[in-house]
Amino acid sequence: MGKIEDELVDIIKGRHIRTVFQPIISLKDGSILGHEALSRIAGNDKNERPSITDLFDAAKKFKQLTELEHLCRTTALNSAYIDMKPQYSKKLFLNINAYILLDDSFERDFLIPYNKAPYNIVLDVSEQDAVDDMPGLLRTIDYYKCQGYKLCIDDVGSGYAGLNLITETNPNYIKINMDIIRDINMNNSKYSLVKSLKEFSSLSNIAIIAEGVETESELESLIELGVQYAQGFYIQEPDEQIKNIDPKLIDKINKKNEKFFANISYKSSTATLYIKNICSPIVTVSPDEMVPVIYETLINSTDMIGLCVVEDEIPLGIVT
């Protein structure tokens, strides 16, 4: 066996996987919707072992994907519902490859050992590769939704994660790939694409989660677009412990919402007004008036904000 295959076998047999959690927060008020459970290779602080991405690629190549996914999933569930004190109580997003859902060895009752109701489990399905048996996948997804599990379609905008899977499954959430989110504040095409996805999701009763938010400007653009949720390093890095969201970040989100929606409210309230509805009469003067006279007029008036200079009924300017 090659080195990567040796590493794969050792990691699976030795259960050398740990789980870190990254929060998914509301862009309305900064509250935590839930956490995505992310797998890391245990004891790999010095990067001496392959990355988790390389490990999954090797698992596909050497037909060990089912075993590796099972290890990552059970480690995440154990971390959240057995090891964590107090027990995790938010929505837990579990990454599952679409192929694994179709595998006969996938345990449909995997939650039983944890005595947890499925409504707080979100199956984060990634269609990283084209799925041959789409009807079978749809039946399997429908089964889990009927049991109460929530569904999230991951990596929208990347690879094979197409709109057909979204329209066929009607998920609770869709995650927009981080490549689309990157620099969305400076890229009109990305901004327009997310705007279109937001309009579609609103009509379909689907919530959007923006992945990989790394800057304040990206976050502000997402708030302007009305995207409901986000995750990324700017919000909080993944960690083995569940942490509170930085109060300063929550304050920024609240202030951005207040400013943006106050502006929307103002625009809505003035959309049907005409200038004649809001203008006020003003004193007019000839351009031949002496400056000291105009000055005295303005100084001695408590409610006059200015004078309009008019010649032959044509406004020439304003004096304030």
Protein backbone atom coordinates (compact mmCIF):
# COMPACT_ATOMS: atom_id res chain seq x y z
CA MET A 1 0.00 0.00 0.00
CA GLY A 2 1.04 3.60 -0.60
CA LYS A 3 1.60 6.14 2.15
CA ILE A 4 -1.78 7.85 1.80
CA GLU A 5 -3.56 4.48 1.85
CA ASP A 6 -1.58 3.46 4.94
CA GLU A 7 -2.57 6.71 6.62
CA LEU A 8 -6.21 6.15 5.68
CA VAL A 9 -6.30 2.64 7.13
CA ASP A 10 -4.51 3.78 10.30
CA ILE A 11 -6.87 6.71 10.85
CA ILE A 12 -10.00 4.62 10.36
CA LYS A 13 -8.81 1.70 12.50
CA GLY A 14 -7.42 3.95 15.22
CA ARG A 15 -10.41 6.31 15.04
CA HIS A 16 -8.02 9.25 14.76
CA ILE A 17 -10.72 11.80 13.97
CA ARG A 18 -11.84 14.73 16.08
CA THR A 19 -14.75 17.14 15.60
CA VAL A 20 -14.73 20.93 15.60
CA PHE A 21 -17.83 23.08 15.46
CA GLN A 22 -18.37 26.27 13.45
CA PRO A 23 -21.40 28.44 14.26
CA ILE A 24 -24.04 29.41 11.73
CA ILE A 25 -25.58 32.71 12.81
CA SER A 26 -28.58 34.84 11.93
CA LEU A 27 -27.80 37.97 9.95
CA LYS A 28 -30.80 39.63 11.55
CA ASP A 29 -29.60 39.61 15.16
CA GLY A 30 -26.44 37.48 15.42
CA SER A 31 -28.16 34.62 17.24
CA ILE A 32 -26.85 31.08 16.68
CA LEU A 33 -28.95 28.83 14.46
CA GLY A 34 -26.66 25.86 14.91
CA HIS A 35 -23.18 24.53 14.21
CA GLU A 36 -21.62 22.62 11.37
CA ALA A 37 -19.69 19.59 12.61
CA LEU A 38 -16.34 19.55 10.80
CA SER A 39 -13.91 16.63 10.94
CA ARG A 40 -10.20 17.01 11.58
CA ILE A 41 -7.43 14.43 11.81
CA ALA A 42 -6.44 13.99 15.46
CA GLY A 43 -2.82 14.71 16.34
CA ASN A 44 -2.16 16.55 13.09
CA ASP A 45 -1.18 19.89 14.61
CA LYS A 46 2.10 19.92 12.67
CA ASN A 47 0.40 18.94 9.39
CA GLU A 48 2.44 15.75 9.21
CA ARG A 49 -0.61 13.82 8.07
CA PRO A 50 -2.76 14.42 4.98
CA SER A 51 -5.46 17.07 5.08
CA ILE A 52 -9.05 15.98 5.67
CA THR A 53 -9.81 16.80 2.02
CA ASP A 54 -6.97 14.59 0.80
CA LEU A 55 -8.13 11.88 3.18
CA PHE A 56 -11.64 11.87 1.71
CA ASP A 57 -10.21 11.82 -1.82
CA ALA A 58 -8.16 8.77 -0.84
CA ALA A 59 -11.21 7.16 0.76
CA LYS A 60 -13.07 7.47 -2.54
CA LYS A 61 -10.13 6.07 -4.48
CA PHE A 62 -9.60 3.08 -2.18
CA LYS A 63 -13.32 2.43 -1.62
CA GLN A 64 -13.24 3.38 2.07
CA LEU A 65 -15.65 6.33 1.87
CA THR A 66 -18.44 4.60 3.79
CA GLU A 67 -16.07 3.69 6.65
CA LEU A 68 -14.56 7.18 6.85
CA GLU A 69 -17.95 8.92 6.71
CA HIS A 70 -19.26 6.62 9.46
CA LEU A 71 -16.26 7.44 11.65
CA CYS A 72 -16.67 11.20 11.12
CA ARG A 73 -20.42 11.09 11.73
CA THR A 74 -20.26 9.01 14.93
CA THR A 75 -17.38 11.14 16.25
CA ALA A 76 -19.45 14.29 15.68
CA LEU A 77 -22.52 12.80 17.39
CA ASN A 78 -20.46 11.53 20.31
CA SER A 79 -18.81 14.94 20.71
CA ALA A 80 -22.13 16.81 20.66
CA TYR A 81 -24.39 14.45 22.61
CA ILE A 82 -22.10 12.44 24.91
CA ASP A 83 -18.83 14.30 25.55
CA MET A 84 -20.17 17.87 25.56
CA LYS A 85 -21.41 19.24 28.89
CA PRO A 86 -24.05 20.58 28.84
CA GLN A 87 -25.32 18.53 25.93
CA TYR A 88 -25.51 20.32 22.60
CA SER A 89 -28.99 21.77 21.99
CA LYS A 90 -28.86 23.79 18.75
CA LYS A 91 -29.23 22.51 15.19
CA LEU A 92 -26.37 20.17 14.30
CA PHE A 93 -25.34 20.19 10.64
CA LEU A 94 -23.87 16.80 9.65
CA ASN A 95 -22.01 16.56 6.36
CA ILE A 96 -23.10 13.56 4.28
CA ASN A 97 -22.03 12.77 0.74
CA ALA A 98 -24.98 12.01 -1.52
CA TYR A 99 -23.39 8.68 -2.45
CA ILE A 100 -23.40 7.57 1.19
CA LEU A 101 -27.14 8.10 1.50
CA LEU A 102 -27.55 5.59 -1.31
CA ASP A 103 -25.22 3.02 0.27
CA ASP A 104 -27.03 -0.02 1.68
CA SER A 105 -24.76 0.04 4.75
CA PHE A 106 -25.86 3.55 5.77
CA GLU A 107 -27.70 3.28 9.08
CA ARG A 108 -31.10 4.92 8.89
CA ASP A 109 -31.45 4.70 12.66
CA PHE A 110 -28.07 6.26 13.49
CA LEU A 111 -29.64 8.62 16.08
CA ILE A 112 -31.09 5.87 18.30
CA PRO A 113 -28.00 5.49 20.57
CA TYR A 114 -28.19 9.20 21.43
CA ASN A 115 -31.89 9.35 22.30
CA LYS A 116 -32.27 12.52 20.24
CA ALA A 117 -35.22 13.68 18.18
CA PRO A 118 -34.31 14.24 14.51
CA TYR A 119 -35.74 17.76 14.15
CA ASN A 120 -32.49 19.33 15.39
CA ILE A 121 -30.35 17.31 12.97
CA VAL A 122 -29.66 18.88 9.59
CA LEU A 123 -28.39 16.52 6.90
CA ASP A 124 -25.86 18.67 5.05
CA VAL A 125 -25.87 16.86 1.72
CA SER A 126 -23.09 17.56 -0.73
CA GLU A 127 -23.52 16.55 -4.35
CA GLN A 128 -19.79 16.73 -5.05
CA ASP A 129 -20.05 14.13 -7.80
CA ALA A 130 -22.77 13.33 -10.28
CA VAL A 131 -25.20 10.82 -8.77
CA ASP A 132 -26.27 8.03 -11.11
CA ASP A 133 -29.37 6.98 -9.16
CA MET A 134 -31.13 10.32 -8.71
CA PRO A 135 -34.59 8.74 -8.15
CA GLY A 136 -33.10 6.58 -5.39
CA LEU A 137 -31.44 9.59 -3.79
CA LEU A 138 -34.70 11.53 -3.85
CA ARG A 139 -36.57 8.64 -2.21
CA THR A 140 -33.93 8.39 0.52
CA ILE A 141 -34.00 12.13 1.19
CA ASP A 142 -37.80 12.06 1.32
CA TYR A 143 -37.61 9.26 3.90
CA TYR A 144 -35.42 11.33 6.22
CA LYS A 145 -37.54 14.45 5.79
CA CYS A 146 -40.62 12.43 6.73
CA GLN A 147 -38.81 11.31 9.89
CA GLY A 148 -38.31 14.94 10.90
CA TYR A 149 -34.72 15.54 9.78
CA LYS A 150 -33.94 18.89 8.19
CA LEU A 151 -32.20 19.04 4.82
CA CYS A 152 -29.47 21.36 3.60
CA ILE A 153 -28.00 21.28 0.09
CA ASP A 154 -24.32 22.20 0.40
CA ASP A 155 -21.88 23.88 -1.97
CA VAL A 156 -24.51 25.50 -4.19
CA GLY A 157 -22.63 27.07 -7.07
CA SER A 158 -19.83 24.52 -7.08
CA GLY A 159 -19.37 21.29 -9.01
CA TYR A 160 -22.49 19.21 -9.52
CA ALA A 161 -24.51 20.93 -6.79
CA GLY A 162 -27.09 22.10 -9.30
CA LEU A 163 -30.49 23.66 -9.00
CA ASN A 164 -32.17 20.39 -10.00
CA LEU A 165 -31.33 18.85 -6.63
CA ILE A 166 -32.76 21.90 -4.87
CA THR A 167 -35.99 21.95 -6.86
CA GLU A 168 -36.49 18.19 -6.52
CA THR A 169 -35.85 17.97 -2.76
CA ASN A 170 -37.19 21.34 -1.53
CA PRO A 171 -34.59 21.60 1.27
CA ASN A 172 -34.89 23.66 4.43
CA TYR A 173 -31.55 25.35 3.75
CA ILE A 174 -29.12 25.87 0.90
CA LYS A 175 -25.48 26.80 1.42
CA ILE A 176 -23.87 29.10 -1.10
CA ASN A 177 -20.30 28.08 -1.85
CA MET A 178 -17.59 30.31 -0.41
CA ASP A 179 -16.12 31.01 -3.85
CA ILE A 180 -19.28 32.94 -4.69
CA ILE A 181 -19.27 34.76 -1.34
CA ARG A 182 -15.63 35.81 -1.68
CA ASP A 183 -15.43 39.55 -2.48
CA ILE A 184 -19.18 39.71 -3.16
CA ASN A 185 -19.03 43.35 -2.10
CA MET A 186 -16.80 44.13 -5.11
CA ASN A 187 -18.19 41.75 -7.73
CA ASN A 188 -21.48 42.70 -9.39
CA SER A 189 -21.93 39.27 -10.97
CA LYS A 190 -21.64 37.48 -7.62
CA TYR A 191 -23.91 40.04 -5.98
CA SER A 192 -26.54 39.59 -8.69
CA LEU A 193 -26.32 35.79 -8.51
CA VAL A 194 -26.88 35.74 -4.75
CA LYS A 195 -29.70 38.26 -5.15
CA SER A 196 -31.40 35.91 -7.62
CA LEU A 197 -30.90 32.92 -5.32
CA LYS A 198 -32.36 34.92 -2.44
CA GLU A 199 -35.46 35.81 -4.47
CA PHE A 200 -35.89 32.18 -5.52
CA SER A 201 -35.41 30.89 -1.97
CA SER A 202 -37.92 33.37 -0.55
CA LEU A 203 -40.58 32.16 -2.98
CA SER A 204 -39.68 28.54 -2.19
CA ASN A 205 -39.55 28.99 1.61
CA ILE A 206 -35.88 28.00 1.73
CA ALA A 207 -33.33 29.75 3.97
CA ILE A 208 -29.91 30.67 2.60
CA ILE A 209 -26.64 30.14 4.46
CA ALA A 210 -23.58 31.95 3.12
CA GLU A 211 -20.37 29.96 3.61
CA GLY A 212 -16.86 31.24 4.11
CA VAL A 213 -17.53 34.84 5.15
CA GLU A 214 -14.11 36.38 5.80
CA THR A 215 -14.61 40.16 5.86
CA GLU A 216 -16.94 42.76 7.31
CA SER A 217 -17.69 44.06 3.81
CA GLU A 218 -18.84 40.61 2.67
CA LEU A 219 -21.07 40.36 5.73
CA GLU A 220 -22.60 43.79 5.09
CA SER A 221 -23.39 42.90 1.47
CA LEU A 222 -25.13 39.70 2.60
CA ILE A 223 -27.24 41.67 5.08
CA GLU A 224 -28.21 44.11 2.31
CA LEU A 225 -29.27 41.15 0.15
CA GLY A 226 -31.43 39.75 2.93
CA VAL A 227 -29.47 36.49 3.27
CA GLN A 228 -30.70 34.88 6.47
CA TYR A 229 -27.61 33.06 7.82
CA ALA A 230 -23.84 32.96 7.48
CA GLN A 231 -20.74 31.19 8.71
CA GLY A 232 -17.04 31.77 8.23
CA PHE A 233 -13.78 32.77 9.87
CA TYR A 234 -14.88 36.41 10.20
CA ILE A 235 -17.75 35.23 12.38
CA GLN A 236 -15.88 32.54 14.32
CA GLU A 237 -13.28 29.88 13.58
CA PRO A 238 -14.16 26.20 14.13
CA ASP A 239 -13.40 24.96 17.64
CA GLU A 240 -13.88 21.84 19.72
CA GLN A 241 -15.72 23.95 22.29
CA ILE A 242 -18.98 25.80 21.73
CA LYS A 243 -18.33 29.51 22.20
CA ASN A 244 -20.50 32.61 22.35
CA ILE A 245 -20.51 34.98 19.40
CA ASP A 246 -18.41 38.11 19.96
CA PRO A 247 -20.78 40.84 21.29
CA LYS A 248 -19.00 43.40 19.07
CA LEU A 249 -19.95 41.38 15.99
CA ILE A 250 -23.56 41.11 17.15
CA ASP A 251 -23.61 44.88 17.65
CA LYS A 252 -22.28 45.41 14.11
CA ILE A 253 -24.99 43.15 12.68
CA ASN A 254 -27.73 44.93 14.61
CA LYS A 255 -26.49 48.39 13.60
CA LYS A 256 -26.17 47.40 9.95
CA ASN A 257 -29.72 46.05 9.98
CA GLU A 258 -31.06 49.18 11.69
CA LYS A 259 -29.33 51.47 9.20
CA PHE A 260 -30.21 49.45 6.12
CA PHE A 261 -33.84 48.75 6.95
CA ALA A 262 -34.43 52.30 8.17
CA ASN A 263 -33.31 53.44 4.73
CA ILE A 264 -35.62 50.88 3.07
CA SER A 265 -38.51 52.07 5.24
CA TYR A 266 -37.83 55.67 4.28
CA LYS A 267 -37.68 54.82 0.59
CA SER A 268 -40.92 52.86 0.82
CA SER A 269 -42.72 55.65 2.63
CA THR A 270 -41.62 58.26 0.07
CA ALA A 271 -42.02 56.16 -3.07
CA THR A 272 -45.45 57.61 -3.95
CA LEU A 273 -44.81 61.20 -2.82
CA TYR A 274 -44.38 64.14 -5.15
CA ILE A 275 -42.11 67.11 -4.52
CA LYS A 276 -45.20 69.31 -4.15
CA ASN A 277 -46.16 67.22 -1.12
CA ILE A 278 -43.00 68.02 0.80
CA CYS A 279 -41.88 71.46 -0.42
CA SER A 280 -42.54 74.70 1.49
CA PRO A 281 -42.99 78.28 0.22
CA ILE A 282 -39.85 80.39 0.42
CA VAL A 283 -39.20 84.14 0.20
CA THR A 284 -37.83 85.25 -3.15
CA VAL A 285 -35.51 88.19 -3.77
CA SER A 286 -34.09 89.99 -6.78
CA PRO A 287 -30.41 89.60 -7.64
CA ASP A 288 -30.19 93.40 -7.33
CA GLU A 289 -30.82 93.34 -3.55
CA MET A 290 -27.96 94.62 -1.37
CA VAL A 291 -26.07 91.98 0.64
CA PRO A 292 -26.42 93.82 4.02
CA VAL A 293 -30.21 93.89 3.59
CA ILE A 294 -30.38 90.15 2.88
CA TYR A 295 -28.04 89.46 5.79
CA GLU A 296 -30.24 91.40 8.23
CA THR A 297 -33.34 89.62 6.93
CA LEU A 298 -31.86 86.17 7.57
CA ILE A 299 -30.42 87.09 10.98
CA ASN A 300 -33.66 88.57 12.27
CA SER A 301 -35.89 85.69 11.11
CA THR A 302 -36.24 82.67 13.42
CA ASP A 303 -37.92 80.34 10.93
CA MET A 304 -36.37 81.36 7.62
CA ILE A 305 -33.86 78.79 6.32
CA GLY A 306 -32.94 80.70 3.18
CA LEU A 307 -33.96 82.95 0.29
CA CYS A 308 -34.42 82.07 -3.35
CA VAL A 309 -32.86 84.48 -5.84
CA VAL A 310 -35.24 84.87 -8.81
CA GLU A 311 -35.03 86.92 -11.99
CA ASP A 312 -37.86 86.90 -14.56
CA GLU A 313 -39.44 83.98 -12.64
CA ILE A 314 -36.30 81.89 -13.17
CA PRO A 315 -34.51 80.66 -9.99
CA LEU A 316 -30.84 81.66 -10.03
CA GLY A 317 -29.79 80.23 -6.68
CA ILE A 318 -30.35 80.05 -2.95
CA VAL A 319 -28.91 82.21 -0.18
CA THR A 320 -28.76 80.65 3.31
